Structure formats: structure tokens, C-alpha cells
Amino acid sequence: MAAALAASLPAPSAISVAPTPTYEAIPASMAKVIDIEADIPLTCVQLDGMVVTKIIKHAREAPSTTAHGLLLGLDLDGVLEVSNSFALPHHAGDEADKTAKSSARHQASMLRSLKEVQADDSVIGFYQATTLGAFFNQTLVDTQAIHQDKLRHGGIVIVHDLSQTARGNASFRAYRLTAAFLDAYKKSNFSTTSLMSHRLTFSSILEEVPLKIRTNALLSAFLGTLAESSTGAHSGAATAGTAGKTSGIGPSFSVLDLGTAGVTRNLEQIVEAVDNYRTEEGNLSYLSRQIARERGKAENYVAKRKEENAGRIAQGLAPLPEEDVSRLFKIPAEPSRLESLLLLGQIDAYSKSLAGTASTGLVKMYAANAGAGI
């Protein structure tokens, strides 16, 4: 009976297996169309607390003040979140070609290792350590121009000032190249006419992006416990019932420093930058005089040829053919004034740093004199 019932039941249908989905890479031509985040303008840079400590550590331990590295993270809703970073090697005295190849190999190796452990491996910019606020140089401009051309949202450069950190004020600022400067840079034209048409000065090379530092809740709580004073019994002459307050962080007496040690070095940097600027301006003046001399020769030649042809026409003779003046006279191109702009930016940064240091030191000196009763 049971066998007859079993035979009368319909055969069980085979369990259907869902096909495995296949993913195809987005074509390069459609990547920018699908990438909606790229259309949102960058409004802020968010720096992780771990990145801050890594940059400060690298800047202190680097053999020179030009410590630099790459920033990793992502951009979301107009906020560029920097979640990790790593230092790039410093090669002193090596050739530029060897240094570039070594840095490229180190960068590729680090990014590959981060990808294997599923960490952030998207490059969003780089950081640069500097001193006395002077970070204007050709290397920084070239690197940032490449990043703004290749990276989404253009990437940013974070500048860390060692001199400010030494005085107990950690300085981090985010910058990127302005659109006007980037247009002139792509055309490789920094002549006087180009600077006037783009309205470029040393203050319009970079634009600052708002920056904020983010720490997680556990780290904030830990720092809070270190900053708060805890109650403990005095030892030795302390009487019963009296208690003293101690803190996890030792007292800092940096505010008592008059701050006059760095003024001399700051003045030396300003004098050196002014000398470099005068040298550069002298070279530009020499090249300008040479260009004017060659153009004068070409104009005199053209005027002489026109006068000679007018005389031949008056005598009924055929005029002489006009020759290409550019082939007869090698008129040099107008020199680039980018180096002058960068030197002016350095002088301005050194001057602002000197003004801040001198004003603070002057106030402390007056306070010290008043306290001493002098």
C-alpha cells in the first residue's frame, strides 16, 4: 500500500541553483559618468589622529627637514578622509633618476602590502614637513600638479611645520593648487603676459582647504584621563587628611621660554631667501636685455630691407624677397618667472613666522621685566 502511494506521488523536482553573478569592470570611458562623488566639490579634509602622530614621528626622526610621504583614504560627500599614511624614503646625494625609481618601487610595494591586508590603499595626496612655514618649492608644485591631474578631487598636500610643533603648537594645513595656476602650469607659460592674464601672484598659487582632526572615542577618553588631575596622598610632611592632585601628564614649562632662540635663524633664512630672489631677478634682467637686443637687431634688419625694397621699386627693379627673421636671428623665449614667485612665497612665509615669533617673545620679555621689577 505504501509502495503504491509512493509510486503515485510526483517525482521531486531538482533544486534549482542560482547562477553565480559575474562582474565586469567599468569601462574607462564610463568611469567618470558613473562616479557621482567626483562631482561633489571638496569642502573639508578630515585627518585621523593616527596619521597626525605618524607624520609628527616621521618629521622628528627624518635626517632632514624635507620629510614627505603619501596620504591614504577616501572622499565621501565632499569630505576627504585621511585614514592612513606612510613615509617615502629620503636619499641624500643620490641622482634624481635613481631617487625617483627607488621611491616608485617603495610606493608600489607599500600599496601592494596594504591591499593584501585589506587596508586603505587609495592615494589621496601627500604630506610635506617644513620649517618656519616656508614650503614653496618646485618639487611640491610638480608633485601636487601630477596629483591634481590624476587623482579624483585633485588630491591635497598637508604641510606640517616643525618649528611650530617644537613650540608646543602642532601645525597642520591642507593646500591644493588654484585653477588659474594649474592652467598656466599645463601650458608651461609663466611669462609676464601669462601672469597678468591669469592674475597670478605668490599668494594665488595655492588655496587652503579647511582641515579638522578626528579621534575615536577610546582615544579621546584616554587623553581625558591623562589631562584630568587625580587625587593622591602627599608623602613626607603631608598631614593627615590633606591630599594633593597629580596628573598623568607632567607639567610643561614651554610657556616660560622667551622664544628668542629661533629669531636669529629666522632672520638668516630671510636674508638667504632675499639674496636668492635678487640673484634670480638679476638673471631675469640679463635675459630680458638679451631678448630686447636680439629683437632690436631683427627690427632693424626688417626696416633696412623695407627701405632697400622701396629704393629698388623706385628704380624700377624687382624687390628683394622677404626672409624669415626668426631663422636669421635666434630670439630667446621669455624666461619663466615661476622661480621668482616661489621665492617671494618663501620670503612671505619667513616674514610671517618671524612676526609671530617676535611678537610673542616681545610680550613675554615685557612680562618678565615687569615681574623682575626692572
Protein backbone atom coordinates (compact mmCIF):
# COMPACT_ATOMS: atom_id res chain seq x y z
CA MET A 1 0.00 0.00 0.00
CA ALA A 2 2.76 2.38 0.95
CA ALA A 3 4.66 1.42 -2.17
CA ALA A 4 1.62 2.19 -4.31
CA LEU A 5 1.15 5.61 -2.68
CA ALA A 6 4.81 6.42 -3.16
CA ALA A 7 4.63 5.47 -6.81
CA SER A 8 1.58 7.69 -7.33
CA LEU A 9 3.31 10.82 -5.95
CA PRO A 10 5.03 13.13 -8.47
CA ALA A 11 8.76 12.89 -8.68
CA PRO A 12 10.59 15.62 -6.65
CA SER A 13 11.84 18.41 -8.82
CA ALA A 14 15.54 19.14 -8.88
CA ILE A 15 16.65 22.04 -6.68
CA SER A 16 17.43 24.98 -8.90
CA VAL A 17 20.81 26.56 -8.22
CA ALA A 18 21.05 30.30 -8.74
CA PRO A 19 23.68 31.20 -11.31
CA THR A 20 26.82 32.78 -9.96
CA PRO A 21 26.82 36.51 -10.76
CA THR A 22 29.60 37.79 -12.93
CA TYR A 23 31.07 41.25 -12.56
CA GLU A 24 32.60 43.18 -15.38
CA ALA A 25 34.98 46.06 -14.99
CA ILE A 26 33.56 49.50 -15.64
CA PRO A 27 34.91 50.87 -18.92
CA ALA A 28 37.29 53.76 -18.54
CA SER A 29 35.07 55.93 -20.72
CA MET A 30 32.13 55.44 -18.31
CA ALA A 31 34.05 55.70 -15.03
CA LYS A 32 33.67 59.47 -14.73
CA VAL A 33 29.98 59.33 -15.69
CA ILE A 34 29.14 56.74 -13.02
CA ASP A 35 31.36 58.32 -10.35
CA ILE A 36 28.86 60.67 -8.71
CA GLU A 37 31.18 61.55 -5.81
CA ALA A 38 33.61 63.23 -8.21
CA ASP A 39 31.02 65.92 -8.96
CA ILE A 40 30.72 66.93 -5.29
CA PRO A 41 33.19 69.75 -4.57
CA LEU A 42 35.76 69.22 -1.84
CA THR A 43 34.86 71.22 1.26
CA CYS A 44 36.95 69.78 4.09
CA VAL A 45 39.86 67.48 4.93
CA GLN A 46 39.47 65.14 7.90
CA LEU A 47 42.77 63.95 9.37
CA ASP A 48 42.82 60.86 11.57
CA GLY A 49 44.64 61.08 14.90
CA MET A 50 46.90 58.16 13.99
CA VAL A 51 48.01 59.97 10.83
CA VAL A 52 48.87 63.04 12.90
CA THR A 53 51.15 61.04 15.20
CA LYS A 54 52.80 59.22 12.26
CA ILE A 55 53.57 62.49 10.47
CA ILE A 56 54.99 64.09 13.63
CA LYS A 57 57.11 61.00 14.35
CA HIS A 58 58.45 60.85 10.80
CA ALA A 59 59.25 64.57 10.76
CA ARG A 60 61.18 64.33 14.04
CA GLU A 61 63.16 61.24 13.08
CA ALA A 62 63.91 62.24 9.48
CA PRO A 63 67.55 63.17 8.74
CA SER A 64 66.43 66.40 7.07
CA THR A 65 63.54 68.83 7.30
CA THR A 66 62.12 67.62 3.96
CA ALA A 67 60.30 64.54 5.28
CA HIS A 68 57.47 63.55 2.99
CA GLY A 69 55.08 60.68 2.41
CA LEU A 70 51.78 59.61 0.90
CA LEU A 71 48.28 60.01 2.33
CA LEU A 72 45.68 57.24 2.01
CA GLY A 73 41.93 57.33 2.47
CA LEU A 74 38.76 58.16 0.59
CA ASP A 75 36.47 61.09 -0.20
CA LEU A 76 32.84 60.98 0.85
CA ASP A 77 30.24 63.73 0.41
CA GLY A 78 32.87 66.39 -0.18
CA VAL A 79 34.98 65.38 2.85
CA LEU A 80 38.44 63.96 2.16
CA GLU A 81 39.03 61.43 4.95
CA VAL A 82 42.73 60.67 5.55
CA SER A 83 42.85 57.36 7.42
CA ASN A 84 46.47 56.25 6.91
CA SER A 85 49.85 57.36 5.64
CA PHE A 86 53.35 56.04 5.09
CA ALA A 87 56.72 57.71 4.69
CA LEU A 88 58.72 57.80 1.49
CA PRO A 89 62.48 57.14 1.68
CA HIS A 90 64.94 60.02 1.71
CA HIS A 91 68.07 59.62 -0.44
CA ALA A 92 70.75 62.18 0.26
CA GLY A 93 73.24 62.85 -2.51
CA ASP A 94 71.72 60.37 -4.99
CA GLU A 95 70.89 61.14 -8.57
CA ALA A 96 67.37 62.29 -9.32
CA ASP A 97 66.66 59.36 -11.64
CA LYS A 98 67.73 56.75 -9.07
CA THR A 99 65.81 58.51 -6.32
CA ALA A 100 62.61 58.56 -8.38
CA LYS A 101 62.88 54.86 -9.26
CA SER A 102 63.56 53.88 -5.64
CA SER A 103 60.60 55.92 -4.38
CA ALA A 104 58.34 54.40 -7.03
CA ARG A 105 59.36 50.85 -6.06
CA HIS A 106 58.84 51.58 -2.36
CA GLN A 107 55.45 53.16 -3.05
CA ALA A 108 54.26 50.21 -5.16
CA SER A 109 55.45 47.72 -2.52
CA MET A 110 53.68 49.54 0.32
CA LEU A 111 50.42 49.88 -1.60
CA ARG A 112 50.51 46.20 -2.55
CA SER A 113 51.10 45.17 1.08
CA LEU A 114 48.25 47.36 2.31
CA LYS A 115 45.93 45.89 -0.28
CA GLU A 116 46.79 42.35 0.84
CA VAL A 117 45.69 43.10 4.42
CA GLN A 118 42.56 44.92 3.12
CA ALA A 119 43.63 48.34 4.39
CA ASP A 120 43.03 51.65 2.64
CA ASP A 121 45.29 51.79 -0.40
CA SER A 122 43.80 54.73 -2.29
CA VAL A 123 46.26 57.61 -2.63
CA ILE A 124 44.57 60.95 -1.98
CA GLY A 125 47.61 63.22 -1.62
CA PHE A 126 50.91 63.59 0.19
CA TYR A 127 52.34 65.37 3.20
CA GLN A 128 55.42 67.57 3.46
CA ALA A 129 57.35 68.63 6.56
CA THR A 130 58.78 72.11 6.58
CA THR A 131 60.34 74.61 8.95
CA LEU A 132 59.41 78.22 9.65
CA GLY A 133 56.40 77.89 7.34
CA ALA A 134 58.38 78.06 4.08
CA PHE A 135 57.19 75.19 1.89
CA PHE A 136 57.15 76.89 -1.53
CA ASN A 137 59.42 74.89 -3.83
CA GLN A 138 59.41 73.42 -7.31
CA THR A 139 59.18 69.80 -6.12
CA LEU A 140 56.00 70.41 -4.14
CA VAL A 141 54.37 72.22 -7.07
CA ASP A 142 55.30 69.47 -9.55
CA THR A 143 54.06 66.67 -7.30
CA GLN A 144 50.78 68.41 -6.49
CA ALA A 145 50.20 69.20 -10.18
CA ILE A 146 50.54 65.48 -11.01
CA HIS A 147 48.14 64.53 -8.22
CA GLN A 148 45.55 67.09 -9.25
CA ASP A 149 45.71 65.77 -12.80
CA LYS A 150 45.47 62.06 -11.90
CA LEU A 151 43.52 61.81 -8.65
CA ARG A 152 39.83 62.35 -8.07
CA HIS A 153 39.14 65.72 -6.43
CA GLY A 154 42.75 66.56 -7.30
CA GLY A 155 44.29 65.37 -4.05
CA ILE A 156 45.73 67.62 -1.37
CA VAL A 157 49.08 68.33 0.26
CA ILE A 158 49.29 68.58 4.04
CA VAL A 159 52.08 70.81 5.33
CA HIS A 160 53.48 70.15 8.81
CA ASP A 161 55.56 72.93 10.38
CA LEU A 162 58.32 71.58 12.62
CA SER A 163 59.13 74.94 14.18
CA GLN A 164 55.55 75.39 15.40
CA THR A 165 55.46 71.86 16.81
CA ALA A 166 58.70 72.48 18.72
CA ARG A 167 56.96 75.38 20.47
CA GLY A 168 54.06 73.13 21.53
CA ASN A 169 51.65 74.06 18.73
CA ALA A 170 51.23 71.25 16.21
CA SER A 171 50.67 72.90 12.83
CA PHE A 172 48.87 71.06 10.01
CA ARG A 173 47.47 72.80 6.94
CA ALA A 174 45.94 71.42 3.75
CA TYR A 175 46.52 73.05 0.36
CA ARG A 176 45.89 72.48 -3.31
CA LEU A 177 46.80 74.39 -6.47
CA THR A 178 44.41 77.03 -7.74
CA ALA A 179 42.69 76.62 -11.10
CA ALA A 180 44.44 79.68 -12.56
CA PHE A 181 47.90 78.44 -11.61
CA LEU A 182 47.14 74.92 -12.84
CA ASP A 183 46.07 76.30 -16.23
CA ALA A 184 49.34 78.24 -16.58
CA TYR A 185 51.31 75.20 -15.39
CA LYS A 186 49.76 72.91 -18.01
CA LYS A 187 50.70 75.44 -20.70
CA SER A 188 54.22 75.78 -19.20
CA ASN A 189 53.87 79.50 -19.63
CA PHE A 190 54.87 81.76 -16.74
CA SER A 191 55.83 84.82 -18.74
CA THR A 192 54.86 88.31 -17.68
CA THR A 193 51.88 88.31 -20.04
CA SER A 194 50.66 84.95 -18.75
CA LEU A 195 50.96 86.03 -15.11
CA MET A 196 48.96 89.17 -15.84
CA SER A 197 46.25 87.32 -17.76
CA HIS A 198 45.89 84.67 -15.03
CA ARG A 199 46.29 87.27 -12.25
CA LEU A 200 48.93 85.14 -10.57
CA THR A 201 50.96 86.19 -7.56
CA PHE A 202 52.77 84.14 -4.93
CA SER A 203 49.62 84.26 -2.77
CA SER A 204 47.41 82.78 -5.51
CA ILE A 205 49.50 79.67 -6.24
CA LEU A 206 47.87 77.57 -3.51
CA GLU A 207 44.47 77.69 -1.88
CA GLU A 208 43.93 76.43 1.67
CA VAL A 209 41.32 73.76 2.39
CA PRO A 210 39.69 73.60 5.86
CA LEU A 211 41.21 70.81 7.97
CA LYS A 212 39.97 69.09 11.09
CA ILE A 213 41.46 66.28 13.19
CA ARG A 214 39.30 63.33 14.20
CA THR A 215 39.99 60.96 17.10
CA ASN A 216 37.95 57.93 18.13
CA ALA A 217 36.04 57.77 21.39
CA LEU A 218 38.51 55.49 23.20
CA LEU A 219 41.46 57.73 22.42
CA SER A 220 39.54 60.84 23.48
CA ALA A 221 38.61 59.18 26.76
CA PHE A 222 42.23 58.13 27.36
CA LEU A 223 43.52 61.64 26.71
CA GLY A 224 40.85 62.98 29.01
CA THR A 225 42.01 60.75 31.87
CA LEU A 226 45.60 61.90 31.31
CA ALA A 227 44.63 65.56 31.38
CA GLU A 228 42.44 65.28 34.49
CA SER A 229 44.19 65.56 37.82
CA SER A 230 43.83 62.64 40.20
CA THR A 231 43.79 62.93 43.99
CA GLY A 232 46.57 61.24 45.96
CA ALA A 233 48.02 61.50 49.46
CA HIS A 234 51.16 63.61 49.96
CA SER A 235 54.22 61.83 51.28
CA GLY A 236 56.63 63.09 53.90
CA ALA A 237 55.43 66.25 55.64
CA ALA A 238 51.82 65.95 54.48
CA THR A 239 49.39 65.98 57.38
CA ALA A 240 46.53 63.60 57.82
CA GLY A 241 43.50 64.45 55.75
CA THR A 242 45.41 66.59 53.25
CA ALA A 243 45.63 65.41 49.67
CA GLY A 244 47.47 66.55 46.58
CA LYS A 245 46.49 66.43 42.97
CA THR A 246 48.69 64.74 40.39
CA SER A 247 48.26 64.47 36.64
CA GLY A 248 49.22 61.76 34.20
CA ILE A 249 50.95 64.36 32.03
CA GLY A 250 53.92 66.13 33.57
CA PRO A 251 53.95 69.91 33.82
CA SER A 252 55.17 71.82 30.79
CA PHE A 253 57.29 74.90 31.18
CA SER A 254 57.50 75.74 27.47
CA VAL A 255 55.37 78.84 28.03
CA LEU A 256 58.17 80.28 30.18
CA ASP A 257 60.57 80.20 27.24
CA LEU A 258 61.06 83.71 25.89
CA GLY A 259 61.20 82.32 22.35
CA THR A 260 64.28 84.27 21.22
CA ALA A 261 66.31 81.25 20.12
CA GLY A 262 64.65 80.91 16.72
CA VAL A 263 64.65 84.60 15.82
CA THR A 264 68.30 84.57 14.69
CA ARG A 265 67.79 81.56 12.47
CA ASN A 266 64.63 83.07 11.06
CA LEU A 267 66.46 86.24 10.13
CA GLU A 268 69.21 84.21 8.46
CA GLN A 269 66.60 82.37 6.38
CA ILE A 270 65.01 85.66 5.31
CA VAL A 271 68.38 87.12 4.28
CA GLU A 272 69.21 83.97 2.31
CA ALA A 273 65.82 83.98 0.57
CA VAL A 274 66.19 87.68 -0.32
CA ASP A 275 69.67 87.02 -1.76
CA ASN A 276 68.29 84.16 -3.86
CA TYR A 277 65.49 86.39 -5.09
CA ARG A 278 67.91 89.15 -6.06
CA THR A 279 70.05 86.63 -7.92
CA GLU A 280 67.02 85.30 -9.79
CA GLU A 281 65.88 88.81 -10.66
CA GLY A 282 69.38 89.62 -11.93
CA ASN A 283 69.27 86.58 -14.21
CA LEU A 284 65.83 87.57 -15.49
CA SER A 285 67.03 91.14 -16.16
CA TYR A 286 70.02 89.85 -18.12
CA LEU A 287 67.82 87.56 -20.23
CA SER A 288 65.35 90.39 -20.82
CA ARG A 289 68.12 92.69 -22.07
CA GLN A 290 69.39 89.94 -24.35
CA ILE A 291 65.90 89.39 -25.79
CA ALA A 292 65.46 93.13 -26.33
CA ARG A 293 68.86 93.30 -28.06
CA GLU A 294 68.01 90.46 -30.46
CA ARG A 295 64.58 91.91 -31.20
CA GLY A 296 66.17 95.27 -31.92
CA LYS A 297 68.52 93.64 -34.43
CA ALA A 298 65.61 91.86 -36.12
CA GLU A 299 63.55 95.06 -36.32
CA ASN A 300 66.49 97.00 -37.76
CA TYR A 301 67.01 94.30 -40.37
CA VAL A 302 63.34 94.37 -41.37
CA ALA A 303 63.32 98.19 -41.57
CA LYS A 304 66.51 98.18 -43.64
CA ARG A 305 65.10 95.58 -46.03
CA LYS A 306 61.87 97.59 -46.46
CA GLU A 307 63.87 100.74 -47.19
CA GLU A 308 66.01 98.89 -49.69
CA ASN A 309 62.96 97.42 -51.43
CA ALA A 310 61.37 100.86 -51.62
CA GLY A 311 64.50 102.18 -53.35
CA ARG A 312 64.53 99.26 -55.80
CA ILE A 313 60.88 99.79 -56.65
CA ALA A 314 61.56 103.47 -57.26
CA GLN A 315 64.34 102.46 -59.68
CA GLY A 316 62.05 100.00 -61.43
CA LEU A 317 63.77 96.91 -60.07
CA ALA A 318 62.15 93.87 -58.51
CA PRO A 319 62.07 93.97 -54.71
CA LEU A 320 64.18 91.54 -52.72
CA PRO A 321 62.30 88.58 -51.24
CA GLU A 322 61.37 88.84 -47.60
CA GLU A 323 63.28 86.42 -45.40
CA ASP A 324 62.20 84.73 -42.22
CA VAL A 325 63.60 86.83 -39.42
CA SER A 326 63.28 84.01 -36.87
CA ARG A 327 65.78 81.96 -38.89
CA LEU A 328 68.30 84.77 -39.15
CA PHE A 329 68.10 85.91 -35.53
CA LYS A 330 67.78 83.50 -32.64
CA ILE A 331 65.43 85.42 -30.35
CA PRO A 332 65.26 83.61 -26.98
CA ALA A 333 61.89 82.85 -25.43
CA GLU A 334 60.79 84.96 -22.49
CA PRO A 335 62.07 83.36 -19.28
CA SER A 336 59.75 81.77 -16.75
CA ARG A 337 59.01 83.75 -13.62
CA LEU A 338 57.82 80.75 -11.60
CA GLU A 339 61.00 80.61 -9.55
CA SER A 340 60.59 84.27 -8.61
CA LEU A 341 57.03 83.58 -7.44
CA LEU A 342 58.19 80.68 -5.29
CA LEU A 343 60.99 82.72 -3.75
CA LEU A 344 58.55 85.51 -2.94
CA GLY A 345 56.33 82.92 -1.26
CA GLN A 346 59.27 81.75 0.85
CA ILE A 347 60.11 85.31 1.89
CA ASP A 348 56.48 85.92 2.83
CA ALA A 349 56.33 82.70 4.90
CA TYR A 350 59.59 83.51 6.71
CA SER A 351 58.35 87.02 7.43
CA LYS A 352 55.05 85.83 8.88
CA SER A 353 56.86 83.28 11.03
CA LEU A 354 59.25 85.97 12.27
CA ALA A 355 56.37 88.33 13.03
CA GLY A 356 54.57 85.70 15.11
CA THR A 357 57.70 84.63 17.00
CA ALA A 358 58.94 88.16 17.64
CA SER A 359 55.56 89.47 18.83
CA THR A 360 55.09 86.59 21.28
CA GLY A 361 58.67 86.89 22.54
CA LEU A 362 58.33 90.64 22.98
CA VAL A 363 55.22 90.24 25.14
CA LYS A 364 57.00 87.62 27.28
CA MET A 365 60.04 89.89 27.69
CA TYR A 366 57.87 92.75 28.91
CA ALA A 367 56.15 90.38 31.32
CA ALA A 368 59.49 89.06 32.59
CA ASN A 369 60.83 92.59 33.09
CA ALA A 370 57.68 93.62 34.93
CA GLY A 371 57.86 90.55 37.17
CA ALA A 372 61.50 91.18 37.96
CA GLY A 373 60.75 94.78 38.88
CA ILE A 374 63.23 96.20 36.37
